[in-house]
Amino acid sequence: MLGNTELCTKIHTMLSRFSFLIFLGALFSTPAQAQMERTMYQVFEVDSMKTITLDIADIYDLHTWAGSAIMIETNIQLSNATPEILDFLIKEGRYDVRMDTLAPGEVKISTKIRDRKKIKTPAGECTEIPEAKVFVPDTFFWEDNKITIRRKEEKE
C-alpha cells in the first residue's frame, strides 16, 4: 500500500504528463495561417503601337517573347489571410492593369488601383507581395528606365 506522500507524488507526475500532452495537442491543433499564392494573366494587343509607357505599382521585370501582344503575369502572395480574402481582392480588381491611349501610336499600361490600403483581418494584418513579369514582343525594346518601351525600327 502506498503512503500519502507517495500517492500524491504519483498523482502529481501523472497530472504533469497529462497537462503536457494537452498543451502539445492544443499547440498543434490551432489552425496555421498559410501563405497563399495565385497567378493571373492579362494580355494587351499592341500591333499598331510605337511607344508604350509602363506605370505599374508592383515590382516587375521585363522579358522578351515571340508573341505579338504584351502579357502581364502577376503573382500574388498573401499570408495571414483566407483563400476567400484573396479571391475577393482579385475579383475587386486590386491587381488589374489597364491600357489607355495617350496619342496615336502611344499607350500607357498602368495599375488600376494604385492606393492599396493595408489588409486587416480579425487575425491581424496580412502580408501582401504582388510581383509581375511583363512579356514584351521581340519587335520592341525598352529603355534603361524600364518604363518606356519602343518599337524597333524596321530595316528596309
Protein backbone atom coordinates (compact mmCIF):
# COMPACT_ATOMS: atom_id res chain seq x y z
CA MET A 1 0.00 0.00 0.00
CA LEU A 2 1.27 3.48 -0.90
CA GLY A 3 1.65 6.19 1.67
CA ASN A 4 0.00 9.60 1.24
CA THR A 5 3.25 11.22 0.16
CA GLU A 6 3.98 8.60 -2.49
CA LEU A 7 0.39 8.70 -3.76
CA CYS A 8 0.48 12.49 -4.05
CA THR A 9 3.80 12.32 -5.92
CA LYS A 10 2.44 9.75 -8.43
CA ILE A 11 -0.76 11.78 -8.99
CA HIS A 12 1.27 14.97 -9.47
CA THR A 13 3.56 13.23 -12.02
CA MET A 14 0.56 11.84 -13.95
CA LEU A 15 -1.16 15.25 -13.98
CA SER A 16 2.04 16.94 -15.19
CA ARG A 17 2.37 14.48 -18.08
CA PHE A 18 -1.32 14.77 -18.92
CA SER A 19 -1.10 18.60 -18.89
CA PHE A 20 1.95 18.47 -21.16
CA LEU A 21 0.11 16.21 -23.64
CA ILE A 22 -2.89 18.55 -23.63
CA PHE A 23 -0.57 21.51 -24.24
CA LEU A 24 1.09 19.74 -27.21
CA GLY A 25 -2.30 18.79 -28.64
CA ALA A 26 -3.56 22.37 -28.37
CA LEU A 27 -0.35 23.70 -29.90
CA PHE A 28 -0.58 21.54 -33.00
CA SER A 29 -4.35 21.73 -33.42
CA THR A 30 -4.50 25.52 -33.86
CA PRO A 31 -5.04 26.43 -37.49
CA ALA A 32 -1.88 27.74 -39.12
CA GLN A 33 -2.11 30.81 -41.30
CA ALA A 34 -0.91 29.54 -44.64
CA GLN A 35 0.68 31.56 -47.35
CA MET A 36 -1.47 31.59 -50.46
CA GLU A 37 -0.27 32.24 -53.95
CA ARG A 38 -2.16 32.95 -57.14
CA THR A 39 -1.03 33.92 -60.63
CA MET A 40 -3.16 35.94 -63.03
CA TYR A 41 -2.56 36.92 -66.65
CA GLN A 42 -3.59 39.96 -68.67
CA VAL A 43 -2.94 40.47 -72.39
CA PHE A 44 -2.85 43.75 -74.33
CA GLU A 45 -2.74 43.98 -78.12
CA VAL A 46 -0.03 46.43 -79.26
CA ASP A 47 0.05 45.79 -83.04
CA SER A 48 -0.08 49.43 -84.15
CA MET A 49 1.73 50.94 -81.16
CA LYS A 50 5.07 52.66 -81.43
CA THR A 51 5.53 53.68 -77.77
CA ILE A 52 4.28 52.07 -74.57
CA THR A 53 4.68 53.65 -71.15
CA LEU A 54 4.51 51.43 -68.07
CA ASP A 55 3.15 52.70 -64.77
CA ILE A 56 2.87 49.52 -62.72
CA ALA A 57 2.72 49.80 -58.93
CA ASP A 58 4.08 46.32 -58.23
CA ILE A 59 7.62 45.04 -58.50
CA TYR A 60 8.07 43.94 -62.11
CA ASP A 61 10.61 42.52 -64.54
CA LEU A 62 10.63 42.85 -68.32
CA HIS A 63 11.09 39.84 -70.59
CA THR A 64 11.19 39.49 -74.36
CA TRP A 65 8.96 36.93 -76.03
CA ALA A 66 7.86 35.95 -79.54
CA GLY A 67 4.23 36.94 -79.00
CA SER A 68 2.57 39.91 -80.70
CA ALA A 69 0.91 41.27 -77.54
CA ILE A 70 2.11 42.40 -74.14
CA MET A 71 1.33 39.81 -71.49
CA ILE A 72 1.49 40.65 -67.81
CA GLU A 73 1.81 37.73 -65.40
CA THR A 74 1.08 38.87 -61.84
CA ASN A 75 1.95 36.55 -58.99
CA ILE A 76 0.27 37.43 -55.69
CA GLN A 77 1.50 36.01 -52.39
CA LEU A 78 -0.74 36.66 -49.40
CA SER A 79 -0.17 35.42 -45.87
CA ASN A 80 -2.26 35.65 -42.71
CA ALA A 81 -5.48 35.58 -44.72
CA THR A 82 -8.01 33.11 -46.06
CA PRO A 83 -8.44 31.98 -49.67
CA GLU A 84 -11.75 33.87 -49.71
CA ILE A 85 -9.95 37.15 -48.97
CA LEU A 86 -7.51 36.56 -51.84
CA ASP A 87 -10.42 35.70 -54.17
CA PHE A 88 -12.22 38.90 -53.14
CA LEU A 89 -9.14 41.08 -53.73
CA ILE A 90 -8.67 39.61 -57.21
CA LYS A 91 -12.37 39.99 -58.12
CA GLU A 92 -12.27 43.58 -56.82
CA GLY A 93 -9.54 44.29 -59.40
CA ARG A 94 -6.82 45.09 -56.88
CA TYR A 95 -4.09 43.68 -59.15
CA ASP A 96 -5.55 44.60 -62.55
CA VAL A 97 -3.76 46.77 -65.06
CA ARG A 98 -5.34 48.76 -67.88
CA MET A 99 -4.26 50.22 -71.18
CA ASP A 100 -5.12 53.84 -72.05
CA THR A 101 -4.42 55.62 -75.34
CA LEU A 102 -2.24 58.71 -74.90
CA ALA A 103 -1.92 59.69 -78.59
CA PRO A 104 -1.99 57.88 -81.93
CA GLY A 105 0.53 55.04 -81.63
CA GLU A 106 1.12 55.69 -77.90
CA VAL A 107 -0.42 53.88 -74.93
CA LYS A 108 0.07 53.72 -71.20
CA ILE A 109 -0.29 50.46 -69.27
CA SER A 110 -0.93 51.19 -65.61
CA THR A 111 -2.18 49.69 -62.38
CA LYS A 112 -5.92 50.30 -61.94
CA ILE A 113 -5.86 50.58 -58.14
CA ARG A 114 -2.71 52.41 -57.06
CA ASP A 115 -3.76 53.24 -53.49
CA ARG A 116 -3.83 49.80 -51.91
CA LYS A 117 -4.82 50.04 -48.28
CA LYS A 118 -3.45 47.53 -45.79
CA ILE A 119 -5.48 44.33 -45.49
CA LYS A 120 -6.71 43.84 -41.94
CA THR A 121 -8.49 40.77 -40.62
CA PRO A 122 -9.55 39.70 -37.12
CA ALA A 123 -6.30 37.68 -37.03
CA GLY A 124 -4.20 40.79 -37.78
CA GLU A 125 -2.66 42.48 -40.78
CA CYS A 126 -1.97 40.47 -43.93
CA THR A 127 1.33 40.43 -45.75
CA GLU A 128 0.88 41.01 -49.48
CA ILE A 129 3.56 40.58 -52.15
CA PRO A 130 2.44 41.16 -55.75
CA GLU A 131 5.15 40.72 -58.39
CA ALA A 132 4.72 40.98 -62.13
CA LYS A 133 6.52 39.77 -65.23
CA VAL A 134 5.88 41.88 -68.31
CA PHE A 135 6.39 39.93 -71.52
CA VAL A 136 7.18 42.35 -74.36
CA PRO A 137 7.05 41.32 -78.06
CA ASP A 138 10.51 40.94 -79.58
CA THR A 139 9.64 43.71 -82.05
CA PHE A 140 10.04 46.20 -79.16
CA PHE A 141 12.89 47.26 -76.89
CA TRP A 142 12.82 49.03 -73.53
CA GLU A 143 14.88 51.88 -72.28
CA ASP A 144 17.07 51.69 -69.18
CA ASN A 145 14.32 53.19 -67.02
CA LYS A 146 12.15 50.09 -67.76
CA ILE A 147 9.20 52.44 -68.13
CA THR A 148 9.37 53.35 -71.82
CA ILE A 149 9.03 50.62 -74.45
CA ARG A 150 9.54 51.46 -78.13
CA ARG A 151 9.00 49.56 -81.35
CA LYS A 152 12.23 48.64 -83.14
CA GLU A 153 12.83 50.43 -86.43
CA GLU A 154 12.07 48.25 -89.42
CA LYS A 155 15.03 47.78 -91.76
CA GLU A 156 14.28 48.13 -95.45
